[in-house]
Amino acid sequence: MITLICGTNRPENVTSAVVKAYSELLKKRNIDHHILHLEHLPKDFVFNNDVIGNRNPDFSRIVKEAIDGADKLVFIAPEYNGGFPGVLKAFIDGIWPEVLKDKKVAFVGVASGRAGNLRGMDQLTNICHYLNMHVLPFKVPISSIEKFIDKNGAMTEENTLNVLDKQIGLFEKF
């Protein structure tokens, strides 16, 4: 199973449109997957998770279902201040490294600007390598994301969808 991780907790974020498009592409290939939106994490998970503070059973359940149960993870992360969101780092930090070890991961960067969160994907790559995770070299930076979202909140830009589908094909074989 693949878990898609929407790497932000901001409400009404455009990253969710990319997650939805990615999910639709996975469905077309009949690939079993799960979606984890970080906005649905327990509000106190930063201080109470599996690693620090009082164990949070809701957080533990989410990790068990979405991370333990997955062979592969796809981080779809927006660019915040030249990197990726702190909530995503806090989520990773709340999981025991043994749980993440040897997971295969892919990255999609999302940005309003021109770089498509290349820096954030590089930062995530460094963290994942430190945790002994296996990173797919083919990363997808999506720049000027607002141009690719229609009035209904769907991602419709065909070239970008084709690149995402290419990544899925590579990740399937990875």
N, C-alpha and C. Protein backbone atom coordinates (compact mmCIF):
# COMPACT_ATOMS: atom_id res chain seq x y z
N MET A 1 0.84 -1.18 0.00
CA MET A 1 0.00 0.00 0.00
C MET A 1 0.88 1.25 0.00
N ILE A 2 0.39 2.28 -0.65
CA ILE A 2 1.04 3.59 -0.68
C ILE A 2 0.22 4.55 0.18
N THR A 3 0.90 5.35 0.99
CA THR A 3 0.22 6.42 1.71
C THR A 3 0.64 7.75 1.11
N LEU A 4 -0.35 8.53 0.70
CA LEU A 4 -0.12 9.90 0.25
C LEU A 4 -0.23 10.80 1.46
N ILE A 5 0.78 11.61 1.70
CA ILE A 5 0.78 12.51 2.85
C ILE A 5 0.65 13.94 2.36
N CYS A 6 -0.47 14.57 2.70
CA CYS A 6 -0.66 15.98 2.40
C CYS A 6 0.10 16.76 3.47
N GLY A 7 1.24 17.32 3.09
CA GLY A 7 2.21 17.85 4.04
C GLY A 7 1.92 19.20 4.64
N THR A 8 0.67 19.56 4.82
CA THR A 8 0.31 20.81 5.46
C THR A 8 -0.94 20.61 6.30
N ASN A 9 -1.10 21.48 7.28
CA ASN A 9 -2.32 21.44 8.08
C ASN A 9 -3.18 22.69 7.87
N ARG A 10 -2.81 23.50 6.90
CA ARG A 10 -3.61 24.69 6.62
C ARG A 10 -4.94 24.29 6.00
N PRO A 11 -6.03 24.88 6.49
CA PRO A 11 -7.33 24.58 5.88
C PRO A 11 -7.40 25.15 4.46
N GLU A 12 -8.17 24.50 3.61
CA GLU A 12 -8.40 24.95 2.24
C GLU A 12 -7.10 25.18 1.47
N ASN A 13 -6.14 24.27 1.64
CA ASN A 13 -4.85 24.40 0.97
C ASN A 13 -4.90 23.84 -0.45
N VAL A 14 -4.05 24.36 -1.33
CA VAL A 14 -4.03 23.88 -2.72
C VAL A 14 -3.29 22.55 -2.84
N THR A 15 -2.50 22.21 -1.86
CA THR A 15 -1.79 20.93 -1.87
C THR A 15 -2.79 19.77 -1.93
N SER A 16 -3.93 19.94 -1.29
CA SER A 16 -4.96 18.89 -1.31
C SER A 16 -5.44 18.58 -2.72
N ALA A 17 -5.45 19.57 -3.60
CA ALA A 17 -5.85 19.33 -4.99
C ALA A 17 -4.84 18.42 -5.68
N VAL A 18 -3.56 18.58 -5.36
CA VAL A 18 -2.52 17.72 -5.93
C VAL A 18 -2.67 16.31 -5.37
N VAL A 19 -2.93 16.21 -4.08
CA VAL A 19 -3.14 14.90 -3.45
C VAL A 19 -4.32 14.19 -4.12
N LYS A 20 -5.39 14.91 -4.34
CA LYS A 20 -6.58 14.31 -4.97
C LYS A 20 -6.25 13.85 -6.40
N ALA A 21 -5.53 14.67 -7.15
CA ALA A 21 -5.15 14.28 -8.52
C ALA A 21 -4.25 13.05 -8.51
N TYR A 22 -3.31 13.01 -7.57
CA TYR A 22 -2.40 11.87 -7.45
C TYR A 22 -3.20 10.61 -7.12
N SER A 23 -4.15 10.75 -6.22
CA SER A 23 -5.00 9.62 -5.84
C SER A 23 -5.78 9.10 -7.04
N GLU A 24 -6.31 9.99 -7.86
CA GLU A 24 -7.05 9.58 -9.06
C GLU A 24 -6.15 8.82 -10.03
N LEU A 25 -4.91 9.27 -10.16
CA LEU A 25 -3.96 8.57 -11.03
C LEU A 25 -3.64 7.18 -10.49
N LEU A 26 -3.51 7.07 -9.17
CA LEU A 26 -3.28 5.75 -8.56
C LEU A 26 -4.47 4.83 -8.79
N LYS A 27 -5.68 5.37 -8.67
CA LYS A 27 -6.89 4.57 -8.90
C LYS A 27 -6.93 4.03 -10.32
N LYS A 28 -6.52 4.85 -11.29
CA LYS A 28 -6.51 4.41 -12.69
C LYS A 28 -5.57 3.22 -12.89
N ARG A 29 -4.55 3.13 -12.05
CA ARG A 29 -3.59 2.02 -12.13
C ARG A 29 -3.95 0.89 -11.16
N ASN A 30 -5.08 1.02 -10.48
CA ASN A 30 -5.52 0.03 -9.48
C ASN A 30 -4.47 -0.19 -8.39
N ILE A 31 -3.88 0.90 -7.93
CA ILE A 31 -2.88 0.83 -6.86
C ILE A 31 -3.56 1.17 -5.54
N ASP A 32 -3.46 0.25 -4.59
CA ASP A 32 -4.03 0.44 -3.26
C ASP A 32 -3.31 1.58 -2.56
N HIS A 33 -4.08 2.53 -2.04
CA HIS A 33 -3.46 3.67 -1.36
C HIS A 33 -4.39 4.24 -0.29
N HIS A 34 -3.78 5.06 0.54
CA HIS A 34 -4.45 5.71 1.66
C HIS A 34 -4.00 7.17 1.63
N ILE A 35 -4.86 8.07 2.05
CA ILE A 35 -4.50 9.49 2.11
C ILE A 35 -4.47 9.94 3.56
N LEU A 36 -3.40 10.61 3.92
CA LEU A 36 -3.27 11.20 5.26
C LEU A 36 -3.15 12.71 5.11
N HIS A 37 -4.13 13.43 5.62
CA HIS A 37 -4.09 14.89 5.66
C HIS A 37 -3.61 15.30 7.04
N LEU A 38 -2.51 16.03 7.11
CA LEU A 38 -1.96 16.41 8.41
C LEU A 38 -2.90 17.31 9.20
N GLU A 39 -3.82 17.97 8.54
CA GLU A 39 -4.78 18.80 9.27
C GLU A 39 -5.70 17.96 10.15
N HIS A 40 -5.73 16.64 9.93
CA HIS A 40 -6.56 15.75 10.75
C HIS A 40 -5.82 15.13 11.93
N LEU A 41 -4.56 15.52 12.11
CA LEU A 41 -3.81 15.01 13.27
C LEU A 41 -4.38 15.62 14.55
N PRO A 42 -4.23 14.92 15.68
CA PRO A 42 -4.66 15.50 16.95
C PRO A 42 -3.95 16.83 17.19
N LYS A 43 -4.64 17.78 17.74
CA LYS A 43 -4.09 19.13 17.91
C LYS A 43 -2.86 19.17 18.80
N ASP A 44 -2.73 18.23 19.73
CA ASP A 44 -1.59 18.25 20.65
C ASP A 44 -0.48 17.28 20.25
N PHE A 45 -0.51 16.77 19.02
CA PHE A 45 0.43 15.71 18.64
C PHE A 45 1.89 16.13 18.73
N VAL A 46 2.18 17.42 18.60
CA VAL A 46 3.57 17.88 18.66
C VAL A 46 4.18 17.58 20.03
N PHE A 47 3.37 17.67 21.07
CA PHE A 47 3.86 17.47 22.43
C PHE A 47 3.50 16.12 23.01
N ASN A 48 2.56 15.43 22.38
CA ASN A 48 2.13 14.11 22.84
C ASN A 48 2.00 13.19 21.63
N ASN A 49 3.00 12.34 21.45
CA ASN A 49 3.00 11.44 20.30
C ASN A 49 3.65 10.13 20.71
N ASP A 50 4.18 9.38 19.79
CA ASP A 50 4.79 8.09 20.14
C ASP A 50 6.20 8.23 20.71
N VAL A 51 6.82 9.40 20.53
CA VAL A 51 8.21 9.59 20.93
C VAL A 51 8.35 10.45 22.19
N ILE A 52 7.59 11.54 22.28
CA ILE A 52 7.71 12.44 23.44
C ILE A 52 6.35 12.68 24.09
N GLY A 53 6.40 13.14 25.33
CA GLY A 53 5.18 13.47 26.05
C GLY A 53 4.37 12.24 26.41
N ASN A 54 3.11 12.46 26.69
CA ASN A 54 2.20 11.35 26.95
C ASN A 54 1.80 10.73 25.63
N ARG A 55 1.81 9.43 25.58
CA ARG A 55 1.44 8.74 24.34
C ARG A 55 0.02 9.15 23.95
N ASN A 56 -0.15 9.53 22.71
CA ASN A 56 -1.45 9.95 22.20
C ASN A 56 -2.05 8.81 21.38
N PRO A 57 -3.09 8.14 21.90
CA PRO A 57 -3.64 6.99 21.18
C PRO A 57 -4.17 7.32 19.79
N ASP A 58 -4.69 8.52 19.60
CA ASP A 58 -5.18 8.90 18.27
C ASP A 58 -4.02 9.03 17.28
N PHE A 59 -2.93 9.65 17.72
CA PHE A 59 -1.74 9.77 16.88
C PHE A 59 -1.18 8.38 16.58
N SER A 60 -1.10 7.54 17.60
CA SER A 60 -0.57 6.18 17.41
C SER A 60 -1.39 5.38 16.41
N ARG A 61 -2.71 5.53 16.46
CA ARG A 61 -3.59 4.84 15.52
C ARG A 61 -3.34 5.31 14.10
N ILE A 62 -3.20 6.63 13.93
CA ILE A 62 -2.94 7.19 12.60
C ILE A 62 -1.62 6.67 12.05
N VAL A 63 -0.58 6.65 12.89
CA VAL A 63 0.73 6.15 12.45
C VAL A 63 0.63 4.67 12.08
N LYS A 64 -0.08 3.91 12.90
CA LYS A 64 -0.21 2.47 12.62
C LYS A 64 -0.91 2.23 11.29
N GLU A 65 -1.99 2.95 11.05
CA GLU A 65 -2.76 2.76 9.81
C GLU A 65 -2.05 3.32 8.58
N ALA A 66 -1.55 4.54 8.69
CA ALA A 66 -1.04 5.24 7.51
C ALA A 66 0.44 4.98 7.23
N ILE A 67 1.23 4.77 8.26
CA ILE A 67 2.68 4.62 8.06
C ILE A 67 3.10 3.17 8.21
N ASP A 68 2.78 2.55 9.34
CA ASP A 68 3.13 1.13 9.54
C ASP A 68 2.56 0.25 8.44
N GLY A 69 1.34 0.54 8.05
CA GLY A 69 0.65 -0.29 7.07
C GLY A 69 1.05 -0.04 5.63
N ALA A 70 1.93 0.92 5.39
CA ALA A 70 2.33 1.27 4.02
C ALA A 70 3.72 0.74 3.70
N ASP A 71 3.88 0.32 2.45
CA ASP A 71 5.21 -0.04 1.95
C ASP A 71 5.93 1.19 1.43
N LYS A 72 5.14 2.13 0.91
CA LYS A 72 5.69 3.32 0.27
C LYS A 72 4.91 4.55 0.73
N LEU A 73 5.62 5.68 0.77
CA LEU A 73 5.03 6.96 1.16
C LEU A 73 5.28 7.98 0.05
N VAL A 74 4.29 8.81 -0.21
CA VAL A 74 4.48 9.94 -1.12
C VAL A 74 4.21 11.20 -0.32
N PHE A 75 5.24 12.01 -0.14
CA PHE A 75 5.10 13.29 0.54
C PHE A 75 4.77 14.35 -0.51
N ILE A 76 3.61 14.96 -0.37
CA ILE A 76 3.21 16.06 -1.25
C ILE A 76 3.20 17.30 -0.37
N ALA A 77 4.25 18.11 -0.54
CA ALA A 77 4.50 19.18 0.43
C ALA A 77 4.61 20.55 -0.22
N PRO A 78 3.90 21.52 0.34
CA PRO A 78 4.02 22.88 -0.16
C PRO A 78 5.30 23.54 0.36
N GLU A 79 5.67 24.62 -0.31
CA GLU A 79 6.82 25.40 0.14
C GLU A 79 6.35 26.45 1.13
N TYR A 80 6.94 26.42 2.31
CA TYR A 80 6.71 27.45 3.32
C TYR A 80 8.07 28.05 3.65
N ASN A 81 8.24 29.32 3.39
CA ASN A 81 9.45 30.04 3.78
C ASN A 81 10.73 29.35 3.31
N GLY A 82 10.74 28.90 2.07
CA GLY A 82 11.94 28.29 1.50
C GLY A 82 12.18 26.86 1.94
N GLY A 83 11.20 26.22 2.52
CA GLY A 83 11.35 24.83 2.96
C GLY A 83 10.00 24.14 2.94
N PHE A 84 9.86 23.15 3.81
CA PHE A 84 8.58 22.45 3.90
C PHE A 84 7.94 22.80 5.25
N PRO A 85 6.65 22.57 5.43
CA PRO A 85 5.96 22.98 6.65
C PRO A 85 6.48 22.30 7.92
N GLY A 86 6.53 23.08 8.98
CA GLY A 86 6.96 22.57 10.28
C GLY A 86 6.08 21.44 10.78
N VAL A 87 4.81 21.46 10.44
CA VAL A 87 3.91 20.39 10.89
C VAL A 87 4.34 19.05 10.32
N LEU A 88 4.90 19.05 9.12
CA LEU A 88 5.38 17.80 8.52
C LEU A 88 6.62 17.30 9.26
N LYS A 89 7.51 18.21 9.62
CA LYS A 89 8.70 17.82 10.39
C LYS A 89 8.28 17.30 11.76
N ALA A 90 7.33 17.97 12.40
CA ALA A 90 6.85 17.52 13.71
C ALA A 90 6.21 16.13 13.61
N PHE A 91 5.49 15.88 12.52
CA PHE A 91 4.88 14.57 12.31
C PHE A 91 5.97 13.50 12.20
N ILE A 92 6.97 13.75 11.38
CA ILE A 92 8.07 12.79 11.23
C ILE A 92 8.77 12.58 12.56
N ASP A 93 9.01 13.66 13.30
CA ASP A 93 9.70 13.56 14.60
C ASP A 93 8.89 12.80 15.64
N GLY A 94 7.57 12.72 15.47
CA GLY A 94 6.72 12.01 16.42
C GLY A 94 6.64 10.51 16.17
N ILE A 95 7.34 10.04 15.15
CA ILE A 95 7.32 8.62 14.78
C ILE A 95 8.68 8.01 15.11
N TRP A 96 8.68 6.83 15.72
CA TRP A 96 9.95 6.15 16.00
C TRP A 96 10.68 5.86 14.69
N PRO A 97 11.98 6.13 14.63
CA PRO A 97 12.75 5.89 13.40
C PRO A 97 12.63 4.47 12.85
N GLU A 98 12.49 3.47 13.73
CA GLU A 98 12.36 2.08 13.26
C GLU A 98 11.13 1.89 12.37
N VAL A 99 10.10 2.67 12.63
CA VAL A 99 8.86 2.56 11.85
C VAL A 99 9.09 3.05 10.41
N LEU A 100 9.96 4.04 10.26
CA LEU A 100 10.21 4.64 8.95
C LEU A 100 11.34 3.95 8.18
N LYS A 101 12.19 3.24 8.89
CA LYS A 101 13.36 2.61 8.28
C LYS A 101 12.94 1.70 7.12
N ASP A 102 13.66 1.83 6.02
CA ASP A 102 13.48 1.03 4.80
C ASP A 102 12.19 1.32 4.03
N LYS A 103 11.42 2.32 4.45
CA LYS A 103 10.26 2.71 3.64
C LYS A 103 10.77 3.36 2.35
N LYS A 104 10.05 3.16 1.28
CA LYS A 104 10.35 3.82 0.02
C LYS A 104 9.50 5.08 -0.06
N VAL A 105 10.13 6.18 -0.49
CA VAL A 105 9.43 7.46 -0.52
C VAL A 105 9.61 8.17 -1.86
N ALA A 106 8.59 8.95 -2.20
CA ALA A 106 8.64 9.83 -3.37
C ALA A 106 8.18 11.21 -2.91
N PHE A 107 8.60 12.23 -3.67
CA PHE A 107 8.28 13.61 -3.30
C PHE A 107 7.63 14.37 -4.44
N VAL A 108 6.63 15.17 -4.06
CA VAL A 108 6.04 16.16 -4.95
C VAL A 108 6.09 17.48 -4.20
N GLY A 109 6.70 18.49 -4.81
CA GLY A 109 6.76 19.81 -4.20
C GLY A 109 5.72 20.71 -4.85
N VAL A 110 5.12 21.56 -4.03
CA VAL A 110 4.05 22.45 -4.50
C VAL A 110 4.40 23.87 -4.07
N ALA A 111 4.33 24.82 -5.02
CA ALA A 111 4.66 26.20 -4.67
C ALA A 111 3.90 27.19 -5.55
N SER A 112 3.68 28.36 -5.00
CA SER A 112 3.12 29.46 -5.78
C SER A 112 4.21 30.07 -6.66
N GLY A 113 5.44 29.99 -6.20
CA GLY A 113 6.57 30.57 -6.92
C GLY A 113 7.09 29.68 -8.03
N ARG A 114 8.36 29.92 -8.41
CA ARG A 114 8.93 29.29 -9.59
C ARG A 114 9.66 27.98 -9.34
N ALA A 115 10.02 27.68 -8.10
CA ALA A 115 10.91 26.54 -7.87
C ALA A 115 10.18 25.24 -7.51
N GLY A 116 8.90 25.28 -7.26
CA GLY A 116 8.16 24.05 -6.98
C GLY A 116 8.61 23.33 -5.72
N ASN A 117 9.10 24.09 -4.75
CA ASN A 117 9.57 23.55 -3.47
C ASN A 117 10.77 22.61 -3.62
N LEU A 118 11.67 22.94 -4.52
CA LEU A 118 12.89 22.13 -4.66
C LEU A 118 13.68 22.07 -3.36
N ARG A 119 13.81 23.20 -2.67
CA ARG A 119 14.55 23.21 -1.40
C ARG A 119 13.90 22.31 -0.37
N GLY A 120 12.58 22.40 -0.27
CA GLY A 120 11.87 21.56 0.69
C GLY A 120 12.04 20.08 0.40
N MET A 121 12.00 19.72 -0.89
CA MET A 121 12.20 18.31 -1.25
C MET A 121 13.63 17.87 -0.94
N ASP A 122 14.60 18.77 -1.13
CA ASP A 122 15.98 18.44 -0.76
C ASP A 122 16.11 18.24 0.75
N GLN A 123 15.46 19.12 1.52
CA GLN A 123 15.49 18.98 2.98
C GLN A 123 14.85 17.66 3.41
N LEU A 124 13.72 17.33 2.83
CA LEU A 124 13.06 16.06 3.15
C LEU A 124 13.92 14.87 2.74
N THR A 125 14.61 14.99 1.62
CA THR A 125 15.51 13.91 1.18
C THR A 125 16.58 13.66 2.22
N ASN A 126 17.19 14.73 2.72
CA ASN A 126 18.23 14.58 3.75
C ASN A 126 17.69 13.89 4.99
N ILE A 127 16.51 14.28 5.43
CA ILE A 127 15.90 13.68 6.61
C ILE A 127 15.61 12.19 6.35
N CYS A 128 15.04 11.90 5.20
CA CYS A 128 14.71 10.50 4.89
C CYS A 128 15.96 9.64 4.76
N HIS A 129 17.01 10.17 4.17
CA HIS A 129 18.26 9.41 4.10
C HIS A 129 18.80 9.14 5.51
N TYR A 130 18.73 10.14 6.38
CA TYR A 130 19.19 9.96 7.76
C TYR A 130 18.40 8.84 8.44
N LEU A 131 17.12 8.73 8.12
CA LEU A 131 16.25 7.71 8.72
C LEU A 131 16.32 6.37 7.98
N ASN A 132 17.27 6.23 7.07
CA ASN A 132 17.45 5.00 6.29
C ASN A 132 16.23 4.64 5.45
N MET A 133 15.63 5.68 4.88
CA MET A 133 14.53 5.49 3.94
C MET A 133 15.11 5.54 2.53
N HIS A 134 14.39 4.99 1.57
CA HIS A 134 14.87 4.93 0.19
C HIS A 134 14.08 5.92 -0.66
N VAL A 135 14.78 6.91 -1.20
CA VAL A 135 14.14 8.02 -1.91
C VAL A 135 14.19 7.81 -3.42
N LEU A 136 13.02 7.87 -4.05
CA LEU A 136 12.94 7.83 -5.51
C LEU A 136 13.62 9.09 -6.06
N PRO A 137 14.61 8.94 -6.94
CA PRO A 137 15.30 10.13 -7.46
C PRO A 137 14.42 11.07 -8.28
N PHE A 138 13.36 10.56 -8.89
CA PHE A 138 12.49 11.38 -9.73
C PHE A 138 11.51 12.15 -8.86
N LYS A 139 11.83 13.43 -8.60
CA LYS A 139 10.98 14.29 -7.78
C LYS A 139 10.20 15.22 -8.70
N VAL A 140 9.00 15.57 -8.29
CA VAL A 140 8.15 16.43 -9.13
C VAL A 140 7.95 17.78 -8.45
N PRO A 141 8.58 18.84 -8.98
CA PRO A 141 8.30 20.19 -8.49
C PRO A 141 7.16 20.80 -9.30
N ILE A 142 6.14 21.28 -8.61
CA ILE A 142 5.03 21.95 -9.29
C ILE A 142 5.07 23.42 -8.91
N SER A 143 5.37 24.26 -9.89
CA SER A 143 5.47 25.71 -9.69
C SER A 143 4.17 26.39 -10.10
N SER A 144 3.96 27.60 -9.59
CA SER A 144 2.77 28.40 -9.95
C SER A 144 1.49 27.57 -9.87
N ILE A 145 1.33 26.87 -8.76
CA ILE A 145 0.25 25.90 -8.58
C ILE A 145 -1.14 26.49 -8.84
N GLU A 146 -1.34 27.75 -8.49
CA GLU A 146 -2.66 28.36 -8.65
C GLU A 146 -3.13 28.34 -10.10
N LYS A 147 -2.19 28.34 -11.05
CA LYS A 147 -2.55 28.31 -12.47
C LYS A 147 -3.13 26.96 -12.89
N PHE A 148 -2.87 25.93 -12.08
CA PHE A 148 -3.25 24.57 -12.46
C PHE A 148 -4.49 24.06 -11.73
N ILE A 149 -5.09 24.91 -10.90
CA ILE A 149 -6.27 24.53 -10.13
C ILE A 149 -7.48 25.24 -10.74
N ASP A 150 -8.51 24.49 -11.10
CA ASP A 150 -9.69 25.12 -11.70
C ASP A 150 -10.61 25.70 -10.63
N LYS A 151 -11.70 26.31 -11.06
CA LYS A 151 -12.61 26.99 -10.12
C LYS A 151 -13.27 26.03 -9.14
N ASN A 152 -13.27 24.73 -9.46
CA ASN A 152 -13.83 23.71 -8.56
C ASN A 152 -12.78 23.12 -7.62
N GLY A 153 -11.56 23.63 -7.70
CA GLY A 153 -10.49 23.15 -6.82
C GLY A 153 -9.80 21.90 -7.32
N ALA A 154 -9.98 21.56 -8.59
CA ALA A 154 -9.35 20.36 -9.15
C ALA A 154 -8.11 20.75 -9.96
N MET A 155 -7.11 19.89 -9.91
CA MET A 155 -5.91 20.10 -10.70
C MET A 155 -6.16 19.52 -12.09
N THR A 156 -6.03 20.36 -13.11
CA THR A 156 -6.44 19.94 -14.45
C THR A 156 -5.33 20.05 -15.49
N GLU A 157 -4.18 20.56 -15.15
CA GLU A 157 -3.12 20.81 -16.13
C GLU A 157 -2.52 19.49 -16.61
N GLU A 158 -2.74 19.19 -17.88
CA GLU A 158 -2.43 17.87 -18.45
C GLU A 158 -0.95 17.51 -18.37
N ASN A 159 -0.06 18.46 -18.68
CA ASN A 159 1.37 18.15 -18.64
C ASN A 159 1.82 17.75 -17.23
N THR A 160 1.33 18.47 -16.24
CA THR A 160 1.69 18.15 -14.85
C THR A 160 1.11 16.80 -14.44
N LEU A 161 -0.11 16.53 -14.84
CA LEU A 161 -0.71 15.22 -14.54
C LEU A 161 0.10 14.10 -15.19
N ASN A 162 0.61 14.34 -16.39
CA ASN A 162 1.44 13.33 -17.07
C ASN A 162 2.75 13.09 -16.33
N VAL A 163 3.34 14.16 -15.79
CA VAL A 163 4.58 14.01 -15.02
C VAL A 163 4.31 13.25 -13.73
N LEU A 164 3.19 13.54 -13.07
CA LEU A 164 2.83 12.79 -11.87
C LEU A 164 2.62 11.32 -12.20
N ASP A 165 1.98 11.05 -13.32
CA ASP A 165 1.75 9.67 -13.73
C ASP A 165 3.08 8.97 -14.04
N LYS A 166 4.01 9.69 -14.62
CA LYS A 166 5.34 9.12 -14.87
C LYS A 166 6.01 8.74 -13.55
N GLN A 167 5.90 9.64 -12.55
CA GLN A 167 6.48 9.34 -11.24
C GLN A 167 5.84 8.08 -10.65
N ILE A 168 4.54 7.97 -10.77
CA ILE A 168 3.84 6.79 -10.25
C ILE A 168 4.37 5.52 -10.92
N GLY A 169 4.55 5.56 -12.22
CA GLY A 169 5.09 4.40 -12.93
C GLY A 169 6.47 4.02 -12.43
N LEU A 170 7.31 5.01 -12.21
CA LEU A 170 8.66 4.75 -11.69
C LEU A 170 8.60 4.23 -10.25
N PHE A 171 7.70 4.81 -9.46
CA PHE A 171 7.58 4.43 -8.04
C PHE A 171 7.04 3.01 -7.91
N GLU A 172 6.17 2.63 -8.83
CA GLU A 172 5.62 1.27 -8.83
C GLU A 172 6.74 0.24 -8.96
N LYS A 173 7.74 0.54 -9.77
CA LYS A 173 8.86 -0.38 -10.01
C LYS A 173 9.99 -0.24 -9.00
N PHE A 174 9.96 0.80 -8.19
CA PHE A 174 11.04 1.15 -7.25
C PHE A 174 11.06 0.21 -6.06
